[in-house]
Amino acid sequence: MRLLILVLILILTGLNVAAQTQQSRPSSASSSQSVVRTPKKQTARSPLETKLSRVCGQWAEYWRQKQLDDVVALYAPDAVFLTGTGDRFSGRNAIRAVFKTAMEGHTSDLTPRSLVTEISGNLAYDSGDYLETIIPASGVAKTELKGNYVIVFKRQRSGKWLIIEHVWTDKPAQ
């Protein structure tokens, strides 16, 4: 069920991005006049959408400060984290282990940018892009990364919103 929800969110996000991209491109009509479409106006975010869109920034700050417990606390007990390389980590313990290894191996300067946040009932998602500079513990060479993310949230019985699915993708170097 979660996979279906995630796939639907990814499809809808892709359609939304494609529609916005298409709206901002000139028409390829064969006439001598070119029609330029302006992007649809962004609607104001609700306070909850704003709060959820800020979770990724909070996550990045905890990551930069290597606050493992604070990062992991953002996830539901049965959450899933999918890496840019396609690895899947299920449950807080597995997520904690992979994050601990990563934090021990390097320092990160991560800057996410939320682009779309939507809520439907007890589910919500935030989608955006990021830039990241990774400095290995050895300090030898920095790596510059950029990519996209999708975070799926679920409102818990307590009313708190926690991450249930988290996907990062890396764009190939140009």
C-alpha atoms as a PDB file:
ATOM      1  CA  MET A   1       0.000   0.000   0.000  1.00  0.00           C
ATOM      2  CA  ARG A   2       2.815   2.420   0.894  1.00  0.00           C
ATOM      3  CA  LEU A   3       4.576   1.659  -2.365  1.00  0.00           C
ATOM      4  CA  LEU A   4       1.389   2.409  -4.288  1.00  0.00           C
ATOM      5  CA  ILE A   5       0.985   5.719  -2.463  1.00  0.00           C
ATOM      6  CA  LEU A   6       4.622   6.619  -3.126  1.00  0.00           C
ATOM      7  CA  VAL A   7       4.344   5.713  -6.806  1.00  0.00           C
ATOM      8  CA  LEU A   8       1.191   7.814  -7.139  1.00  0.00           C
ATOM      9  CA  ILE A   9       2.875  10.750  -5.432  1.00  0.00           C
ATOM     10  CA  LEU A  10       5.920  10.458  -7.686  1.00  0.00           C
ATOM     11  CA  ILE A  11       3.704  10.304 -10.772  1.00  0.00           C
ATOM     12  CA  LEU A  12       1.632  13.298  -9.655  1.00  0.00           C
ATOM     13  CA  THR A  13       4.780  15.253  -8.793  1.00  0.00           C
ATOM     14  CA  GLY A  14       6.264  14.437 -12.184  1.00  0.00           C
ATOM     15  CA  LEU A  15       3.066  15.485 -13.948  1.00  0.00           C
ATOM     16  CA  ASN A  16       2.980  18.719 -11.945  1.00  0.00           C
ATOM     17  CA  VAL A  17       6.613  19.509 -12.810  1.00  0.00           C
ATOM     18  CA  ALA A  18       6.076  18.570 -16.460  1.00  0.00           C
ATOM     19  CA  ALA A  19       2.971  20.776 -16.645  1.00  0.00           C
ATOM     20  CA  GLN A  20       4.798  23.711 -15.064  1.00  0.00           C
ATOM     21  CA  THR A  21       7.755  23.195 -17.421  1.00  0.00           C
ATOM     22  CA  GLN A  22       5.480  22.961 -20.446  1.00  0.00           C
ATOM     23  CA  GLN A  23       3.621  26.117 -19.388  1.00  0.00           C
ATOM     24  CA  SER A  24       6.857  28.079 -19.168  1.00  0.00           C
ATOM     25  CA  ARG A  25       8.176  26.974 -22.605  1.00  0.00           C
ATOM     26  CA  PRO A  26       7.274  28.651 -25.878  1.00  0.00           C
ATOM     27  CA  SER A  27       4.752  26.783 -27.980  1.00  0.00           C
ATOM     28  CA  SER A  28       6.236  24.811 -30.834  1.00  0.00           C
ATOM     29  CA  ALA A  29       3.370  25.776 -33.140  1.00  0.00           C
ATOM     30  CA  SER A  30       4.326  25.995 -36.784  1.00  0.00           C
ATOM     31  CA  SER A  31       3.001  29.557 -37.137  1.00  0.00           C
ATOM     32  CA  SER A  32       5.403  32.469 -37.274  1.00  0.00           C
ATOM     33  CA  GLN A  33       4.102  33.750 -33.942  1.00  0.00           C
ATOM     34  CA  SER A  34       5.381  32.166 -30.791  1.00  0.00           C
ATOM     35  CA  VAL A  35       3.097  31.899 -27.785  1.00  0.00           C
ATOM     36  CA  VAL A  36       4.718  32.111 -24.364  1.00  0.00           C
ATOM     37  CA  ARG A  37       2.768  30.643 -21.487  1.00  0.00           C
ATOM     38  CA  THR A  38       3.401  31.876 -18.009  1.00  0.00           C
ATOM     39  CA  PRO A  39       3.656  29.432 -15.116  1.00  0.00           C
ATOM     40  CA  LYS A  40       0.603  28.987 -12.948  1.00  0.00           C
ATOM     41  CA  LYS A  41       0.658  31.186  -9.859  1.00  0.00           C
ATOM     42  CA  GLN A  42       1.735  29.449  -6.700  1.00  0.00           C
ATOM     43  CA  THR A  43      -1.019  29.316  -4.133  1.00  0.00           C
ATOM     44  CA  ALA A  44      -0.251  30.257  -0.555  1.00  0.00           C
ATOM     45  CA  ARG A  45       0.696  27.344   1.654  1.00  0.00           C
ATOM     46  CA  SER A  46      -1.410  26.504   4.669  1.00  0.00           C
ATOM     47  CA  PRO A  47       0.333  26.637   8.061  1.00  0.00           C
ATOM     48  CA  LEU A  48       0.529  22.822   8.091  1.00  0.00           C
ATOM     49  CA  GLU A  49       1.995  22.698   4.569  1.00  0.00           C
ATOM     50  CA  THR A  50       4.569  25.287   5.630  1.00  0.00           C
ATOM     51  CA  LYS A  51       5.411  23.267   8.743  1.00  0.00           C
ATOM     52  CA  LEU A  52       5.837  20.042   6.771  1.00  0.00           C
ATOM     53  CA  SER A  53       7.917  21.755   4.075  1.00  0.00           C
ATOM     54  CA  ARG A  54      10.270  22.954   6.811  1.00  0.00           C
ATOM     55  CA  VAL A  55      10.894  19.425   8.107  1.00  0.00           C
ATOM     56  CA  CYS A  56      13.417  18.812   5.331  1.00  0.00           C
ATOM     57  CA  GLY A  57      15.330  21.933   6.367  1.00  0.00           C
ATOM     58  CA  GLN A  58      15.208  20.773   9.974  1.00  0.00           C
ATOM     59  CA  TRP A  59      16.394  17.341   8.856  1.00  0.00           C
ATOM     60  CA  ALA A  60      19.321  18.954   6.992  1.00  0.00           C
ATOM     61  CA  GLU A  61      20.298  21.040  10.030  1.00  0.00           C
ATOM     62  CA  TYR A  62      20.319  17.950  12.262  1.00  0.00           C
ATOM     63  CA  TRP A  63      22.370  16.169   9.566  1.00  0.00           C
ATOM     64  CA  ARG A  64      24.944  18.994   9.373  1.00  0.00           C
ATOM     65  CA  GLN A  65      25.243  19.024  13.169  1.00  0.00           C
ATOM     66  CA  LYS A  66      25.442  15.204  13.262  1.00  0.00           C
ATOM     67  CA  GLN A  67      22.494  14.998  15.664  1.00  0.00           C
ATOM     68  CA  LEU A  68      21.639  11.370  14.953  1.00  0.00           C
ATOM     69  CA  ASP A  69      18.871  10.987  17.545  1.00  0.00           C
ATOM     70  CA  ASP A  70      17.098  14.136  16.309  1.00  0.00           C
ATOM     71  CA  VAL A  71      17.244  13.003  12.668  1.00  0.00           C
ATOM     72  CA  VAL A  72      15.915   9.547  13.469  1.00  0.00           C
ATOM     73  CA  ALA A  73      13.118  10.964  15.657  1.00  0.00           C
ATOM     74  CA  LEU A  74      11.575  12.507  12.509  1.00  0.00           C
ATOM     75  CA  TYR A  75      10.782   8.982  11.211  1.00  0.00           C
ATOM     76  CA  ALA A  76       7.904   6.668  12.089  1.00  0.00           C
ATOM     77  CA  PRO A  77       8.987   3.340  13.648  1.00  0.00           C
ATOM     78  CA  ASP A  78       8.239   1.493  10.379  1.00  0.00           C
ATOM     79  CA  ALA A  79       9.560   4.185   8.023  1.00  0.00           C
ATOM     80  CA  VAL A  80      11.457   3.431   4.816  1.00  0.00           C
ATOM     81  CA  PHE A  81      14.479   5.359   3.514  1.00  0.00           C
ATOM     82  CA  LEU A  82      15.476   4.925  -0.151  1.00  0.00           C
ATOM     83  CA  THR A  83      18.916   6.177  -1.142  1.00  0.00           C
ATOM     84  CA  GLY A  84      20.055   7.724  -4.396  1.00  0.00           C
ATOM     85  CA  THR A  85      21.735   4.429  -5.243  1.00  0.00           C
ATOM     86  CA  GLY A  86      18.515   2.462  -4.784  1.00  0.00           C
ATOM     87  CA  ASP A  87      19.245   0.898  -1.394  1.00  0.00           C
ATOM     88  CA  ARG A  88      16.227   0.407   0.882  1.00  0.00           C
ATOM     89  CA  PHE A  89      16.383   0.714   4.661  1.00  0.00           C
ATOM     90  CA  SER A  90      13.239  -0.237   6.572  1.00  0.00           C
ATOM     91  CA  GLY A  91      12.508   0.707  10.169  1.00  0.00           C
ATOM     92  CA  ARG A  92      14.103   3.207  12.534  1.00  0.00           C
ATOM     93  CA  ASN A  93      16.880   0.825  13.586  1.00  0.00           C
ATOM     94  CA  ALA A  94      18.046   0.261   9.995  1.00  0.00           C
ATOM     95  CA  ILE A  95      17.746   3.976   9.219  1.00  0.00           C
ATOM     96  CA  ARG A  96      19.708   4.829  12.370  1.00  0.00           C
ATOM     97  CA  ALA A  97      22.479   2.387  11.416  1.00  0.00           C
ATOM     98  CA  VAL A  98      22.923   3.734   7.884  1.00  0.00           C
ATOM     99  CA  PHE A  99      22.792   7.365   9.076  1.00  0.00           C
ATOM    100  CA  LYS A 100      25.296   6.660  11.863  1.00  0.00           C
ATOM    101  CA  THR A 101      27.738   5.138   9.374  1.00  0.00           C
ATOM    102  CA  ALA A 102      27.312   8.093   7.014  1.00  0.00           C
ATOM    103  CA  MET A 103      27.787  10.659   9.795  1.00  0.00           C
ATOM    104  CA  GLU A 104      30.951   8.911  10.978  1.00  0.00           C
ATOM    105  CA  GLY A 105      32.350   8.790   7.445  1.00  0.00           C
ATOM    106  CA  HIS A 106      31.855  12.370   6.359  1.00  0.00           C
ATOM    107  CA  THR A 107      30.602  15.871   7.091  1.00  0.00           C
ATOM    108  CA  SER A 108      27.815  17.251   4.967  1.00  0.00           C
ATOM    109  CA  ASP A 109      26.667  20.726   4.052  1.00  0.00           C
ATOM    110  CA  LEU A 110      23.173  20.019   2.766  1.00  0.00           C
ATOM    111  CA  THR A 111      20.795  22.673   1.449  1.00  0.00           C
ATOM    112  CA  PRO A 112      17.305  21.426   0.536  1.00  0.00           C
ATOM    113  CA  ARG A 113      14.637  23.512  -1.206  1.00  0.00           C
ATOM    114  CA  SER A 114      10.994  22.559  -0.867  1.00  0.00           C
ATOM    115  CA  LEU A 115       9.052  22.994  -4.121  1.00  0.00           C
ATOM    116  CA  VAL A 116       5.708  21.258  -3.567  1.00  0.00           C
ATOM    117  CA  THR A 117       3.938  20.302  -0.353  1.00  0.00           C
ATOM    118  CA  GLU A 118       0.457  18.805  -0.346  1.00  0.00           C
ATOM    119  CA  ILE A 119      -1.771  17.222   2.269  1.00  0.00           C
ATOM    120  CA  SER A 120      -4.654  14.791   1.882  1.00  0.00           C
ATOM    121  CA  GLY A 121      -6.235  13.483   5.063  1.00  0.00           C
ATOM    122  CA  ASN A 122      -3.587  11.751   7.181  1.00  0.00           C
ATOM    123  CA  LEU A 123      -1.005  11.667   4.386  1.00  0.00           C
ATOM    124  CA  ALA A 124       1.166  14.445   3.033  1.00  0.00           C
ATOM    125  CA  TYR A 125       4.267  14.850   0.943  1.00  0.00           C
ATOM    126  CA  ASP A 126       7.012  17.375   0.423  1.00  0.00           C
ATOM    127  CA  SER A 127       9.050  17.341  -2.765  1.00  0.00           C
ATOM    128  CA  GLY A 128      12.035  19.448  -3.705  1.00  0.00           C
ATOM    129  CA  ASP A 129      15.659  19.560  -4.693  1.00  0.00           C
ATOM    130  CA  TYR A 130      18.956  19.857  -2.869  1.00  0.00           C
ATOM    131  CA  LEU A 131      22.605  20.784  -3.114  1.00  0.00           C
ATOM    132  CA  GLU A 132      25.141  19.015  -0.928  1.00  0.00           C
ATOM    133  CA  THR A 133      28.856  19.265  -0.310  1.00  0.00           C
ATOM    134  CA  ILE A 134      30.313  16.130   1.254  1.00  0.00           C
ATOM    135  CA  ILE A 135      33.676  16.251   2.997  1.00  0.00           C
ATOM    136  CA  PRO A 136      35.100  12.806   3.873  1.00  0.00           C
ATOM    137  CA  ALA A 137      36.417  12.280   7.399  1.00  0.00           C
ATOM    138  CA  SER A 138      39.881  12.046   5.830  1.00  0.00           C
ATOM    139  CA  GLY A 139      39.337  15.581   4.492  1.00  0.00           C
ATOM    140  CA  VAL A 140      40.941  14.608   1.190  1.00  0.00           C
ATOM    141  CA  ALA A 141      38.427  15.670  -1.477  1.00  0.00           C
ATOM    142  CA  LYS A 142      35.028  17.325  -1.439  1.00  0.00           C
ATOM    143  CA  THR A 143      32.165  15.950  -3.489  1.00  0.00           C
ATOM    144  CA  GLU A 144      29.450  18.231  -4.833  1.00  0.00           C
ATOM    145  CA  LEU A 145      26.033  16.610  -5.246  1.00  0.00           C
ATOM    146  CA  LYS A 146      22.629  17.741  -6.326  1.00  0.00           C
ATOM    147  CA  GLY A 147      19.380  15.916  -6.690  1.00  0.00           C
ATOM    148  CA  ASN A 148      15.750  15.661  -5.701  1.00  0.00           C
ATOM    149  CA  TYR A 149      13.801  14.302  -2.775  1.00  0.00           C
ATOM    150  CA  VAL A 150      10.298  13.228  -1.807  1.00  0.00           C
ATOM    151  CA  ILE A 151       9.241  12.850   1.802  1.00  0.00           C
ATOM    152  CA  VAL A 152       5.909  11.179   2.591  1.00  0.00           C
ATOM    153  CA  PHE A 153       4.420  11.957   5.998  1.00  0.00           C
ATOM    154  CA  LYS A 154       1.667  10.242   7.952  1.00  0.00           C
ATOM    155  CA  ARG A 155      -0.223  11.787  10.838  1.00  0.00           C
ATOM    156  CA  GLN A 156       0.211   9.501  13.839  1.00  0.00           C
ATOM    157  CA  ARG A 157      -2.516   8.737  16.388  1.00  0.00           C
ATOM    158  CA  SER A 158      -0.869  11.322  18.635  1.00  0.00           C
ATOM    159  CA  GLY A 159      -1.434  13.938  15.918  1.00  0.00           C
ATOM    160  CA  LYS A 160       2.287  14.247  15.172  1.00  0.00           C
ATOM    161  CA  TRP A 161       3.394  14.040  11.530  1.00  0.00           C
ATOM    162  CA  LEU A 162       6.281  11.609  10.960  1.00  0.00           C
ATOM    163  CA  ILE A 163       8.168  10.525   7.868  1.00  0.00           C
ATOM    164  CA  ILE A 164       7.011   7.140   6.547  1.00  0.00           C
ATOM    165  CA  GLU A 165       8.826   7.176   3.171  1.00  0.00           C
ATOM    166  CA  HIS A 166      11.895   9.209   2.254  1.00  0.00           C
ATOM    167  CA  VAL A 167      13.491   9.103  -1.196  1.00  0.00           C
ATOM    168  CA  TRP A 168      16.670  10.880  -2.344  1.00  0.00           C
ATOM    169  CA  THR A 169      17.885  10.869  -5.922  1.00  0.00           C
ATOM    170  CA  ASP A 170      21.245  12.093  -7.162  1.00  0.00           C
ATOM    171  CA  LYS A 171      21.585  13.851 -10.498  1.00  0.00           C
ATOM    172  CA  PRO A 172      24.529  12.572 -12.525  1.00  0.00           C
ATOM    173  CA  ALA A 173      27.536  14.872 -12.755  1.00  0.00           C
ATOM    174  CA  GLN A 174      27.406  17.059 -15.862  1.00  0.00           C
END
